[in-house]
Amino acid sequence: MASPARLSGLQRQVLALYRSVLREAARKDRSAASNRNDGGEYFLVLLSTDKCPSSPPGDATTTSYARSEFRKKAASIPRNDFRTIEHMIRWGQKQIKLLRMPGVSFVGSPNARRSV
């Protein structure tokens, strides 16, 4: 059996960012579900883009939004455009910082809002 291909440092950074984004998004989804039961504030929309067509109708979770946006941005950048990839990694880390703020309970498009 052949050994798996070694990942470059940039590839490892992208995968680490993706895992962090999904982890934080899942954490926000869990906290939003518990807030909804408490009657607290449910939404704070940080990013205002249209709902991604790849997510199923009615699927308005932070995790699904984060996954679809990450994949959409990844598909739009050529693999050998290192400067843009590094820029997007830094941008993604800033977005994770925003997502970790206690006042943020949901990230997604305004069209994805559900009634509380």
PDB file of N, CA and C in Angstrom:
ATOM      1  N   MET A   1       0.848  -1.176   0.000  1.00  0.00           N
ATOM      2  CA  MET A   1       0.000   0.000   0.000  1.00  0.00           C
ATOM      3  C   MET A   1       0.891   1.235   0.000  1.00  0.00           C
ATOM      4  N   ALA A   2       0.614   2.164  -0.875  1.00  0.00           N
ATOM      5  CA  ALA A   2       1.422   3.377  -0.992  1.00  0.00           C
ATOM      6  C   ALA A   2       1.118   4.324   0.158  1.00  0.00           C
ATOM      7  N   SER A   3       2.151   5.046   0.561  1.00  0.00           N
ATOM      8  CA  SER A   3       1.938   6.014   1.642  1.00  0.00           C
ATOM      9  C   SER A   3       1.203   7.236   1.082  1.00  0.00           C
ATOM     10  N   PRO A   4       0.375   7.876   1.921  1.00  0.00           N
ATOM     11  CA  PRO A   4      -0.361   9.051   1.438  1.00  0.00           C
ATOM     12  C   PRO A   4       0.596  10.191   1.098  1.00  0.00           C
ATOM     13  N   ALA A   5       0.196  11.006   0.151  1.00  0.00           N
ATOM     14  CA  ALA A   5       1.019  12.141  -0.268  1.00  0.00           C
ATOM     15  C   ALA A   5       1.172  13.119   0.895  1.00  0.00           C
ATOM     16  N   ARG A   6       2.359  13.668   1.026  1.00  0.00           N
ATOM     17  CA  ARG A   6       2.601  14.639   2.090  1.00  0.00           C
ATOM     18  C   ARG A   6       1.980  15.970   1.704  1.00  0.00           C
ATOM     19  N   LEU A   7       1.435  16.626   2.703  1.00  0.00           N
ATOM     20  CA  LEU A   7       0.804  17.922   2.463  1.00  0.00           C
ATOM     21  C   LEU A   7       1.818  19.039   2.660  1.00  0.00           C
ATOM     22  N   SER A   8       1.698  20.076   1.865  1.00  0.00           N
ATOM     23  CA  SER A   8       2.560  21.244   2.036  1.00  0.00           C
ATOM     24  C   SER A   8       2.081  22.030   3.250  1.00  0.00           C
ATOM     25  N   GLY A   9       2.874  22.978   3.676  1.00  0.00           N
ATOM     26  CA  GLY A   9       2.498  23.811   4.812  1.00  0.00           C
ATOM     27  C   GLY A   9       1.231  24.600   4.545  1.00  0.00           C
ATOM     28  N   LEU A  10       1.088  25.098   3.330  1.00  0.00           N
ATOM     29  CA  LEU A  10      -0.098  25.872   2.961  1.00  0.00           C
ATOM     30  C   LEU A  10      -1.346  24.984   2.959  1.00  0.00           C
ATOM     31  N   GLN A  11      -1.210  23.763   2.470  1.00  0.00           N
ATOM     32  CA  GLN A  11      -2.338  22.833   2.476  1.00  0.00           C
ATOM     33  C   GLN A  11      -2.763  22.510   3.906  1.00  0.00           C
ATOM     34  N   ARG A  12      -1.783  22.330   4.784  1.00  0.00           N
ATOM     35  CA  ARG A  12      -2.107  22.062   6.198  1.00  0.00           C
ATOM     36  C   ARG A  12      -2.814  23.250   6.824  1.00  0.00           C
ATOM     37  N   GLN A  13      -2.387  24.472   6.475  1.00  0.00           N
ATOM     38  CA  GLN A  13      -3.040  25.667   7.017  1.00  0.00           C
ATOM     39  C   GLN A  13      -4.490  25.768   6.545  1.00  0.00           C
ATOM     40  N   VAL A  14      -4.722  25.464   5.284  1.00  0.00           N
ATOM     41  CA  VAL A  14      -6.083  25.523   4.745  1.00  0.00           C
ATOM     42  C   VAL A  14      -6.967  24.487   5.440  1.00  0.00           C
ATOM     43  N   LEU A  15      -6.460  23.267   5.607  1.00  0.00           N
ATOM     44  CA  LEU A  15      -7.245  22.233   6.281  1.00  0.00           C
ATOM     45  C   LEU A  15      -7.506  22.588   7.740  1.00  0.00           C
ATOM     46  N   ALA A  16      -6.515  23.161   8.416  1.00  0.00           N
ATOM     47  CA  ALA A  16      -6.706  23.576   9.811  1.00  0.00           C
ATOM     48  C   ALA A  16      -7.754  24.680   9.899  1.00  0.00           C
ATOM     49  N   LEU A  17      -7.714  25.617   8.959  1.00  0.00           N
ATOM     50  CA  LEU A  17      -8.709  26.689   8.930  1.00  0.00           C
ATOM     51  C   LEU A  17     -10.105  26.115   8.700  1.00  0.00           C
ATOM     52  N   TYR A  18     -10.229  25.181   7.778  1.00  0.00           N
ATOM     53  CA  TYR A  18     -11.525  24.568   7.484  1.00  0.00           C
ATOM     54  C   TYR A  18     -12.082  23.856   8.721  1.00  0.00           C
ATOM     55  N   ARG A  19     -11.231  23.099   9.402  1.00  0.00           N
ATOM     56  CA  ARG A  19     -11.679  22.411  10.623  1.00  0.00           C
ATOM     57  C   ARG A  19     -12.100  23.408  11.685  1.00  0.00           C
ATOM     58  N   SER A  20     -11.340  24.495  11.842  1.00  0.00           N
ATOM     59  CA  SER A  20     -11.681  25.516  12.836  1.00  0.00           C
ATOM     60  C   SER A  20     -13.004  26.193  12.508  1.00  0.00           C
ATOM     61  N   VAL A  21     -13.204  26.492  11.235  1.00  0.00           N
ATOM     62  CA  VAL A  21     -14.452  27.136  10.813  1.00  0.00           C
ATOM     63  C   VAL A  21     -15.636  26.227  11.131  1.00  0.00           C
ATOM     64  N   LEU A  22     -15.526  24.957  10.777  1.00  0.00           N
ATOM     65  CA  LEU A  22     -16.632  24.033  11.031  1.00  0.00           C
ATOM     66  C   LEU A  22     -16.867  23.829  12.524  1.00  0.00           C
ATOM     67  N   ARG A  23     -15.785  23.778  13.296  1.00  0.00           N
ATOM     68  CA  ARG A  23     -15.918  23.615  14.749  1.00  0.00           C
ATOM     69  C   ARG A  23     -16.657  24.795  15.370  1.00  0.00           C
ATOM     70  N   GLU A  24     -16.244  26.015  15.006  1.00  0.00           N
ATOM     71  CA  GLU A  24     -16.887  27.216  15.557  1.00  0.00           C
ATOM     72  C   GLU A  24     -18.331  27.340  15.086  1.00  0.00           C
ATOM     73  N   ALA A  25     -18.572  27.013  13.829  1.00  0.00           N
ATOM     74  CA  ALA A  25     -19.938  27.097  13.301  1.00  0.00           C
ATOM     75  C   ALA A  25     -20.852  26.114  14.028  1.00  0.00           C
ATOM     76  N   ALA A  26     -20.367  24.909  14.273  1.00  0.00           N
ATOM     77  CA  ALA A  26     -21.174  23.924  15.002  1.00  0.00           C
ATOM     78  C   ALA A  26     -21.433  24.397  16.426  1.00  0.00           C
ATOM     79  N   ARG A  27     -20.438  25.013  17.038  1.00  0.00           N
ATOM     80  CA  ARG A  27     -20.607  25.548  18.393  1.00  0.00           C
ATOM     81  C   ARG A  27     -21.687  26.639  18.401  1.00  0.00           C
ATOM     82  N   LYS A  28     -21.668  27.509  17.391  1.00  0.00           N
ATOM     83  CA  LYS A  28     -22.676  28.570  17.307  1.00  0.00           C
ATOM     84  C   LYS A  28     -24.065  27.990  17.055  1.00  0.00           C
ATOM     85  N   ASP A  29     -24.147  26.950  16.236  1.00  0.00           N
ATOM     86  CA  ASP A  29     -25.447  26.324  15.993  1.00  0.00           C
ATOM     87  C   ASP A  29     -26.020  25.743  17.284  1.00  0.00           C
ATOM     88  N   ARG A  30     -25.167  25.082  18.072  1.00  0.00           N
ATOM     89  CA  ARG A  30     -25.637  24.523  19.346  1.00  0.00           C
ATOM     90  C   ARG A  30     -26.083  25.625  20.290  1.00  0.00           C
ATOM     91  N   SER A  31     -25.307  26.713  20.357  1.00  0.00           N
ATOM     92  CA  SER A  31     -25.672  27.803  21.264  1.00  0.00           C
ATOM     93  C   SER A  31     -26.922  28.522  20.768  1.00  0.00           C
ATOM     94  N   ALA A  32     -27.091  28.649  19.454  1.00  0.00           N
ATOM     95  CA  ALA A  32     -28.285  29.298  18.909  1.00  0.00           C
ATOM     96  C   ALA A  32     -29.526  28.464  19.206  1.00  0.00           C
ATOM     97  N   ALA A  33     -29.389  27.148  19.137  1.00  0.00           N
ATOM     98  CA  ALA A  33     -30.530  26.279  19.436  1.00  0.00           C
ATOM     99  C   ALA A  33     -30.933  26.414  20.897  1.00  0.00           C
ATOM    100  N   SER A  34     -29.962  26.523  21.785  1.00  0.00           N
ATOM    101  CA  SER A  34     -30.300  26.685  23.203  1.00  0.00           C
ATOM    102  C   SER A  34     -30.856  28.081  23.467  1.00  0.00           C
ATOM    103  N   ASN A  35     -30.364  29.110  22.767  1.00  0.00           N
ATOM    104  CA  ASN A  35     -30.899  30.468  22.923  1.00  0.00           C
ATOM    105  C   ASN A  35     -32.329  30.562  22.415  1.00  0.00           C
ATOM    106  N   ARG A  36     -32.620  29.841  21.356  1.00  0.00           N
ATOM    107  CA  ARG A  36     -33.971  29.867  20.802  1.00  0.00           C
ATOM    108  C   ARG A  36     -34.955  29.350  21.848  1.00  0.00           C
ATOM    109  N   ASN A  37     -34.545  28.354  22.594  1.00  0.00           N
ATOM    110  CA  ASN A  37     -35.411  27.811  23.633  1.00  0.00           C
ATOM    111  C   ASN A  37     -35.558  28.778  24.793  1.00  0.00           C
ATOM    112  N   ASP A  38     -34.549  29.622  25.035  1.00  0.00           N
ATOM    113  CA  ASP A  38     -34.603  30.587  26.122  1.00  0.00           C
ATOM    114  C   ASP A  38     -35.325  31.866  25.709  1.00  0.00           C
ATOM    115  N   GLY A  39     -35.633  32.034  24.436  1.00  0.00           N
ATOM    116  CA  GLY A  39     -36.285  33.249  23.963  1.00  0.00           C
ATOM    117  C   GLY A  39     -35.318  34.404  23.789  1.00  0.00           C
ATOM    118  N   GLY A  40     -34.006  34.150  23.839  1.00  0.00           N
ATOM    119  CA  GLY A  40     -33.012  35.206  23.679  1.00  0.00           C
ATOM    120  C   GLY A  40     -32.857  35.606  22.229  1.00  0.00           C
ATOM    121  N   GLU A  41     -31.968  36.529  21.980  1.00  0.00           N
ATOM    122  CA  GLU A  41     -31.710  36.968  20.602  1.00  0.00           C
ATOM    123  C   GLU A  41     -31.129  35.803  19.815  1.00  0.00           C
ATOM    124  N   TYR A  42     -31.639  35.591  18.620  1.00  0.00           N
ATOM    125  CA  TYR A  42     -31.256  34.410  17.856  1.00  0.00           C
ATOM    126  C   TYR A  42     -30.319  34.713  16.701  1.00  0.00           C
ATOM    127  N   PHE A  43     -30.422  35.850  16.080  1.00  0.00           N
ATOM    128  CA  PHE A  43     -29.622  36.112  14.889  1.00  0.00           C
ATOM    129  C   PHE A  43     -28.750  37.348  15.022  1.00  0.00           C
ATOM    130  N   LEU A  44     -27.560  37.248  14.488  1.00  0.00           N
ATOM    131  CA  LEU A  44     -26.736  38.410  14.190  1.00  0.00           C
ATOM    132  C   LEU A  44     -26.052  38.075  12.879  1.00  0.00           C
ATOM    133  N   VAL A  45     -26.440  38.754  11.843  1.00  0.00           N
ATOM    134  CA  VAL A  45     -25.918  38.433  10.520  1.00  0.00           C
ATOM    135  C   VAL A  45     -24.655  39.236  10.282  1.00  0.00           C
ATOM    136  N   LEU A  46     -23.531  38.531  10.090  1.00  0.00           N
ATOM    137  CA  LEU A  46     -22.253  39.189   9.831  1.00  0.00           C
ATOM    138  C   LEU A  46     -21.970  39.316   8.341  1.00  0.00           C
ATOM    139  N   LEU A  47     -22.285  38.283   7.629  1.00  0.00           N
ATOM    140  CA  LEU A  47     -21.962  38.270   6.206  1.00  0.00           C
ATOM    141  C   LEU A  47     -23.240  38.422   5.409  1.00  0.00           C
ATOM    142  N   SER A  48     -23.234  39.311   4.444  1.00  0.00           N
ATOM    143  CA  SER A  48     -24.462  39.512   3.670  1.00  0.00           C
ATOM    144  C   SER A  48     -24.231  39.118   2.216  1.00  0.00           C
ATOM    145  N   THR A  49     -24.352  37.839   1.964  1.00  0.00           N
ATOM    146  CA  THR A  49     -24.310  37.344   0.593  1.00  0.00           C
ATOM    147  C   THR A  49     -25.529  36.466   0.400  1.00  0.00           C
ATOM    148  N   ASP A  50     -25.848  36.188  -0.839  1.00  0.00           N
ATOM    149  CA  ASP A  50     -27.021  35.362  -1.118  1.00  0.00           C
ATOM    150  C   ASP A  50     -26.804  33.944  -0.621  1.00  0.00           C
ATOM    151  N   LYS A  51     -27.908  33.288  -0.323  1.00  0.00           N
ATOM    152  CA  LYS A  51     -27.847  31.904   0.128  1.00  0.00           C
ATOM    153  C   LYS A  51     -27.224  31.068  -0.973  1.00  0.00           C
ATOM    154  N   CYS A  52     -26.340  30.207  -0.575  1.00  0.00           N
ATOM    155  CA  CYS A  52     -25.621  29.386  -1.536  1.00  0.00           C
ATOM    156  C   CYS A  52     -26.556  28.332  -2.137  1.00  0.00           C
ATOM    157  N   PRO A  53     -26.569  28.182  -3.460  1.00  0.00           N
ATOM    158  CA  PRO A  53     -27.480  27.229  -4.083  1.00  0.00           C
ATOM    159  C   PRO A  53     -27.159  25.782  -3.740  1.00  0.00           C
ATOM    160  N   SER A  54     -25.944  25.494  -3.268  1.00  0.00           N
ATOM    161  CA  SER A  54     -25.584  24.116  -2.967  1.00  0.00           C
ATOM    162  C   SER A  54     -26.210  23.619  -1.675  1.00  0.00           C
ATOM    163  N   SER A  55     -26.660  24.533  -0.799  1.00  0.00           N
ATOM    164  CA  SER A  55     -27.287  24.076   0.433  1.00  0.00           C
ATOM    165  C   SER A  55     -28.768  23.825   0.186  1.00  0.00           C
ATOM    166  N   PRO A  56     -29.312  22.793   0.839  1.00  0.00           N
ATOM    167  CA  PRO A  56     -30.710  22.453   0.598  1.00  0.00           C
ATOM    168  C   PRO A  56     -31.658  23.552   1.044  1.00  0.00           C
ATOM    169  N   PRO A  57     -32.849  23.641   0.450  1.00  0.00           N
ATOM    170  CA  PRO A  57     -33.806  24.675   0.841  1.00  0.00           C
ATOM    171  C   PRO A  57     -34.186  24.522   2.308  1.00  0.00           C
ATOM    172  N   GLY A  58     -34.265  25.628   3.001  1.00  0.00           N
ATOM    173  CA  GLY A  58     -34.623  25.607   4.415  1.00  0.00           C
ATOM    174  C   GLY A  58     -33.457  25.307   5.334  1.00  0.00           C
ATOM    175  N   ASP A  59     -32.293  25.005   4.785  1.00  0.00           N
ATOM    176  CA  ASP A  59     -31.127  24.693   5.608  1.00  0.00           C
ATOM    177  C   ASP A  59     -30.390  25.981   5.904  1.00  0.00           C
ATOM    178  N   ALA A  60     -30.638  26.569   7.060  1.00  0.00           N
ATOM    179  CA  ALA A  60     -30.076  27.876   7.383  1.00  0.00           C
ATOM    180  C   ALA A  60     -29.238  27.795   8.646  1.00  0.00           C
ATOM    181  N   THR A  61     -28.321  26.851   8.681  1.00  0.00           N
ATOM    182  CA  THR A  61     -27.450  26.755   9.840  1.00  0.00           C
ATOM    183  C   THR A  61     -26.126  27.427   9.529  1.00  0.00           C
ATOM    184  N   THR A  62     -25.458  27.838  10.580  1.00  0.00           N
ATOM    185  CA  THR A  62     -24.145  28.450  10.411  1.00  0.00           C
ATOM    186  C   THR A  62     -23.176  27.450   9.801  1.00  0.00           C
ATOM    187  N   THR A  63     -23.277  26.188  10.193  1.00  0.00           N
ATOM    188  CA  THR A  63     -22.378  25.161   9.672  1.00  0.00           C
ATOM    189  C   THR A  63     -22.557  24.983   8.167  1.00  0.00           C
ATOM    190  N   SER A  64     -23.786  24.893   7.704  1.00  0.00           N
ATOM    191  CA  SER A  64     -24.007  24.702   6.264  1.00  0.00           C
ATOM    192  C   SER A  64     -23.549  25.930   5.480  1.00  0.00           C
ATOM    193  N   TYR A  65     -23.783  27.110   6.044  1.00  0.00           N
ATOM    194  CA  TYR A  65     -23.348  28.335   5.379  1.00  0.00           C
ATOM    195  C   TYR A  65     -21.818  28.382   5.302  1.00  0.00           C
ATOM    196  N   ALA A  66     -21.159  28.070   6.420  1.00  0.00           N
ATOM    197  CA  ALA A  66     -19.694  28.110   6.452  1.00  0.00           C
ATOM    198  C   ALA A  66     -19.106  27.101   5.471  1.00  0.00           C
ATOM    199  N   ARG A  67     -19.656  25.905   5.448  1.00  0.00           N
ATOM    200  CA  ARG A  67     -19.160  24.865   4.545  1.00  0.00           C
ATOM    201  C   ARG A  67     -19.315  25.294   3.088  1.00  0.00           C
ATOM    202  N   SER A  68     -20.489  25.800   2.727  1.00  0.00           N
ATOM    203  CA  SER A  68     -20.721  26.163   1.329  1.00  0.00           C
ATOM    204  C   SER A  68     -19.887  27.371   0.912  1.00  0.00           C
ATOM    205  N   GLU A  69     -19.747  28.361   1.790  1.00  0.00           N
ATOM    206  CA  GLU A  69     -18.929  29.535   1.456  1.00  0.00           C
ATOM    207  C   GLU A  69     -17.457  29.155   1.313  1.00  0.00           C
ATOM    208  N   PHE A  70     -16.963  28.293   2.204  1.00  0.00           N
ATOM    209  CA  PHE A  70     -15.567  27.867   2.139  1.00  0.00           C
ATOM    210  C   PHE A  70     -15.309  27.158   0.813  1.00  0.00           C
ATOM    211  N   ARG A  71     -16.186  26.250   0.452  1.00  0.00           N
ATOM    212  CA  ARG A  71     -16.000  25.509  -0.796  1.00  0.00           C
ATOM    213  C   ARG A  71     -16.130  26.403  -2.024  1.00  0.00           C
ATOM    214  N   LYS A  72     -17.062  27.359  -1.975  1.00  0.00           N
ATOM    215  CA  LYS A  72     -17.249  28.275  -3.106  1.00  0.00           C
ATOM    216  C   LYS A  72     -15.995  29.129  -3.302  1.00  0.00           C
ATOM    217  N   LYS A  73     -15.452  29.659  -2.209  1.00  0.00           N
ATOM    218  CA  LYS A  73     -14.247  30.487  -2.317  1.00  0.00           C
ATOM    219  C   LYS A  73     -13.049  29.640  -2.742  1.00  0.00           C
ATOM    220  N   ALA A  74     -12.954  28.417  -2.223  1.00  0.00           N
ATOM    221  CA  ALA A  74     -11.841  27.539  -2.588  1.00  0.00           C
ATOM    222  C   ALA A  74     -11.881  27.193  -4.072  1.00  0.00           C
ATOM    223  N   ALA A  75     -13.057  27.000  -4.610  1.00  0.00           N
ATOM    224  CA  ALA A  75     -13.181  26.647  -6.026  1.00  0.00           C
ATOM    225  C   ALA A  75     -12.845  27.823  -6.937  1.00  0.00           C
ATOM    226  N   SER A  76     -12.952  29.042  -6.414  1.00  0.00           N
ATOM    227  CA  SER A  76     -12.729  30.214  -7.260  1.00  0.00           C
ATOM    228  C   SER A  76     -11.263  30.652  -7.314  1.00  0.00           C
ATOM    229  N   ILE A  77     -10.404  30.035  -6.501  1.00  0.00           N
ATOM    230  CA  ILE A  77      -8.996  30.440  -6.445  1.00  0.00           C
ATOM    231  C   ILE A  77      -8.129  29.352  -7.074  1.00  0.00           C
ATOM    232  N   PRO A  78      -7.279  29.710  -8.034  1.00  0.00           N
ATOM    233  CA  PRO A  78      -6.374  28.715  -8.624  1.00  0.00           C
ATOM    234  C   PRO A  78      -5.401  28.161  -7.578  1.00  0.00           C
ATOM    235  N   ARG A  79      -5.053  26.893  -7.713  1.00  0.00           N
ATOM    236  CA  ARG A  79      -4.183  26.230  -6.737  1.00  0.00           C
ATOM    237  C   ARG A  79      -2.794  26.850  -6.650  1.00  0.00           C
ATOM    238  N   ASN A  80      -2.323  27.461  -7.721  1.00  0.00           N
ATOM    239  CA  ASN A  80      -0.972  28.022  -7.708  1.00  0.00           C
ATOM    240  C   ASN A  80      -0.945  29.518  -7.394  1.00  0.00           C
ATOM    241  N   ASP A  81      -2.069  30.088  -6.980  1.00  0.00           N
ATOM    242  CA  ASP A  81      -2.132  31.504  -6.605  1.00  0.00           C
ATOM    243  C   ASP A  81      -1.891  31.621  -5.095  1.00  0.00           C
ATOM    244  N   PHE A  82      -0.625  31.495  -4.707  1.00  0.00           N
ATOM    245  CA  PHE A  82      -0.263  31.408  -3.290  1.00  0.00           C
ATOM    246  C   PHE A  82      -0.571  32.682  -2.522  1.00  0.00           C
ATOM    247  N   ARG A  83      -0.373  33.825  -3.152  1.00  0.00           N
ATOM    248  CA  ARG A  83      -0.643  35.095  -2.453  1.00  0.00           C
ATOM    249  C   ARG A  83      -2.118  35.212  -2.084  1.00  0.00           C
ATOM    250  N   THR A  84      -2.989  34.855  -3.001  1.00  0.00           N
ATOM    251  CA  THR A  84      -4.425  34.922  -2.719  1.00  0.00           C
ATOM    252  C   THR A  84      -4.813  33.899  -1.658  1.00  0.00           C
ATOM    253  N   ILE A  85      -4.242  32.704  -1.739  1.00  0.00           N
ATOM    254  CA  ILE A  85      -4.542  31.672  -0.740  1.00  0.00           C
ATOM    255  C   ILE A  85      -4.103  32.135   0.642  1.00  0.00           C
ATOM    256  N   GLU A  86      -2.906  32.701   0.740  1.00  0.00           N
ATOM    257  CA  GLU A  86      -2.428  33.204   2.033  1.00  0.00           C
ATOM    258  C   GLU A  86      -3.321  34.334   2.539  1.00  0.00           C
ATOM    259  N   HIS A  87      -3.747  35.210   1.631  1.00  0.00           N
ATOM    260  CA  HIS A  87      -4.649  36.296   2.013  1.00  0.00           C
ATOM    261  C   HIS A  87      -5.969  35.732   2.541  1.00  0.00           C
ATOM    262  N   MET A  88      -6.519  34.741   1.853  1.00  0.00           N
ATOM    263  CA  MET A  88      -7.789  34.153   2.275  1.00  0.00           C
ATOM    264  C   MET A  88      -7.649  33.410   3.606  1.00  0.00           C
ATOM    265  N   ILE A  89      -6.494  32.832   3.877  1.00  0.00           N
ATOM    266  CA  ILE A  89      -6.268  32.186   5.178  1.00  0.00           C
ATOM    267  C   ILE A  89      -6.309  33.236   6.276  1.00  0.00           C
ATOM    268  N   ARG A  90      -5.624  34.369   6.051  1.00  0.00           N
ATOM    269  CA  ARG A  90      -5.656  35.444   7.060  1.00  0.00           C
ATOM    270  C   ARG A  90      -7.071  35.982   7.240  1.00  0.00           C
ATOM    271  N   TRP A  91      -7.801  36.163   6.140  1.00  0.00           N
ATOM    272  CA  TRP A  91      -9.177  36.647   6.208  1.00  0.00           C
ATOM    273  C   TRP A  91     -10.051  35.653   6.979  1.00  0.00           C
ATOM    274  N   GLY A  92      -9.856  34.362   6.708  1.00  0.00           N
ATOM    275  CA  GLY A  92     -10.633  33.330   7.393  1.00  0.00           C
ATOM    276  C   GLY A  92     -10.363  33.307   8.887  1.00  0.00           C
ATOM    277  N   GLN A  93      -9.109  33.532   9.280  1.00  0.00           N
ATOM    278  CA  GLN A  93      -8.788  33.570  10.706  1.00  0.00           C
ATOM    279  C   GLN A  93      -9.459  34.758  11.384  1.00  0.00           C
ATOM    280  N   LYS A  94      -9.553  35.878  10.686  1.00  0.00           N
ATOM    281  CA  LYS A  94     -10.265  37.038  11.241  1.00  0.00           C
ATOM    282  C   LYS A  94     -11.754  36.731  11.378  1.00  0.00           C
ATOM    283  N   GLN A  95     -12.316  36.024  10.412  1.00  0.00           N
ATOM    284  CA  GLN A  95     -13.729  35.659  10.478  1.00  0.00           C
ATOM    285  C   GLN A  95     -13.997  34.712  11.650  1.00  0.00           C
ATOM    286  N   ILE A  96     -13.057  33.815  11.920  1.00  0.00           N
ATOM    287  CA  ILE A  96     -13.210  32.915  13.071  1.00  0.00           C
ATOM    288  C   ILE A  96     -13.195  33.723  14.358  1.00  0.00           C
ATOM    289  N   LYS A  97     -12.316  34.725  14.428  1.00  0.00           N
ATOM    290  CA  LYS A  97     -12.297  35.594  15.615  1.00  0.00           C
ATOM    291  C   LYS A  97     -13.650  36.260  15.814  1.00  0.00           C
ATOM    292  N   LEU A  98     -14.244  36.750  14.727  1.00  0.00           N
ATOM    293  CA  LEU A  98     -15.566  37.369  14.815  1.00  0.00           C
ATOM    294  C   LEU A  98     -16.613  36.357  15.269  1.00  0.00           C
ATOM    295  N   LEU A  99     -16.535  35.157  14.733  1.00  0.00           N
ATOM    296  CA  LEU A  99     -17.500  34.120  15.072  1.00  0.00           C
ATOM    297  C   LEU A  99     -17.396  33.713  16.537  1.00  0.00           C
ATOM    298  N   ARG A 100     -16.214  33.839  17.111  1.00  0.00           N
ATOM    299  CA  ARG A 100     -16.015  33.474  18.517  1.00  0.00           C
ATOM    300  C   ARG A 100     -16.543  34.526  19.489  1.00  0.00           C
ATOM    301  N   MET A 101     -16.873  35.711  18.985  1.00  0.00           N
ATOM    302  CA  MET A 101     -17.387  36.757  19.867  1.00  0.00           C
ATOM    303  C   MET A 101     -18.700  36.300  20.496  1.00  0.00           C
ATOM    304  N   PRO A 102     -18.888  36.596  21.787  1.00  0.00           N
ATOM    305  CA  PRO A 102     -20.085  36.104  22.472  1.00  0.00           C
ATOM    306  C   PRO A 102     -21.394  36.664  21.924  1.00  0.00           C
ATOM    307  N   GLY A 103     -21.391  37.855  21.359  1.00  0.00           N
ATOM    308  CA  GLY A 103     -22.624  38.447  20.853  1.00  0.00           C
ATOM    309  C   GLY A 103     -23.093  37.874  19.533  1.00  0.00           C
ATOM    310  N   VAL A 104     -22.259  37.095  18.871  1.00  0.00           N
ATOM    311  CA  VAL A 104     -22.605  36.536  17.570  1.00  0.00           C
ATOM    312  C   VAL A 104     -23.265  35.182  17.790  1.00  0.00           C
ATOM    313  N   SER A 105     -24.491  35.050  17.288  1.00  0.00           N
ATOM    314  CA  SER A 105     -25.169  33.769  17.462  1.00  0.00           C
ATOM    315  C   SER A 105     -25.457  33.071  16.138  1.00  0.00           C
ATOM    316  N   PHE A 106     -25.322  33.783  15.016  1.00  0.00           N
ATOM    317  CA  PHE A 106     -25.598  33.178  13.719  1.00  0.00           C
ATOM    318  C   PHE A 106     -24.834  33.944  12.654  1.00  0.00           C
ATOM    319  N   VAL A 107     -24.272  33.234  11.712  1.00  0.00           N
ATOM    320  CA  VAL A 107     -23.621  33.862  10.568  1.00  0.00           C
ATOM    321  C   VAL A 107     -24.235  33.243   9.333  1.00  0.00           C
ATOM    322  N   GLY A 108     -24.680  34.077   8.439  1.00  0.00           N
ATOM    323  CA  GLY A 108     -25.280  33.576   7.214  1.00  0.00           C
ATOM    324  C   GLY A 108     -25.822  34.714   6.396  1.00  0.00           C
ATOM    325  N   SER A 109     -26.539  34.357   5.376  1.00  0.00           N
ATOM    326  CA  SER A 109     -27.108  35.391   4.525  1.00  0.00           C
ATOM    327  C   SER A 109     -28.430  35.862   5.107  1.00  0.00           C
ATOM    328  N   PRO A 110     -28.824  37.094   4.820  1.00  0.00           N
ATOM    329  CA  PRO A 110     -30.099  37.595   5.324  1.00  0.00           C
ATOM    330  C   PRO A 110     -31.279  36.767   4.825  1.00  0.00           C
ATOM    331  N   ASN A 111     -31.145  36.143   3.665  1.00  0.00           N
ATOM    332  CA  ASN A 111     -32.222  35.313   3.125  1.00  0.00           C
ATOM    333  C   ASN A 111     -32.392  34.022   3.906  1.00  0.00           C
ATOM    334  N   ALA A 112     -31.389  33.666   4.712  1.00  0.00           N
ATOM    335  CA  ALA A 112     -31.435  32.406   5.448  1.00  0.00           C
ATOM    336  C   ALA A 112     -32.101  32.556   6.804  1.00  0.00           C
ATOM    337  N   ARG A 113     -32.587  33.732   7.128  1.00  0.00           N
ATOM    338  CA  ARG A 113     -33.183  33.964   8.447  1.00  0.00           C
ATOM    339  C   ARG A 113     -34.432  33.108   8.635  1.00  0.00           C
ATOM    340  N   ARG A 114     -34.517  32.549   9.817  1.00  0.00           N
ATOM    341  CA  ARG A 114     -35.703  31.780  10.184  1.00  0.00           C
ATOM    342  C   ARG A 114     -36.436  32.542  11.265  1.00  0.00           C
ATOM    343  N   SER A 115     -37.714  32.359  11.364  1.00  0.00           N
ATOM    344  CA  SER A 115     -38.454  33.039  12.429  1.00  0.00           C
ATOM    345  C   SER A 115     -38.193  32.333  13.741  1.00  0.00           C
ATOM    346  N   VAL A 116     -38.129  33.113  14.805  1.00  0.00           N
ATOM    347  CA  VAL A 116     -37.820  32.564  16.130  1.00  0.00           C
ATOM    348  C   VAL A 116     -39.083  32.094  16.791  1.00  0.00           C
TER     349      VAL A 116
END
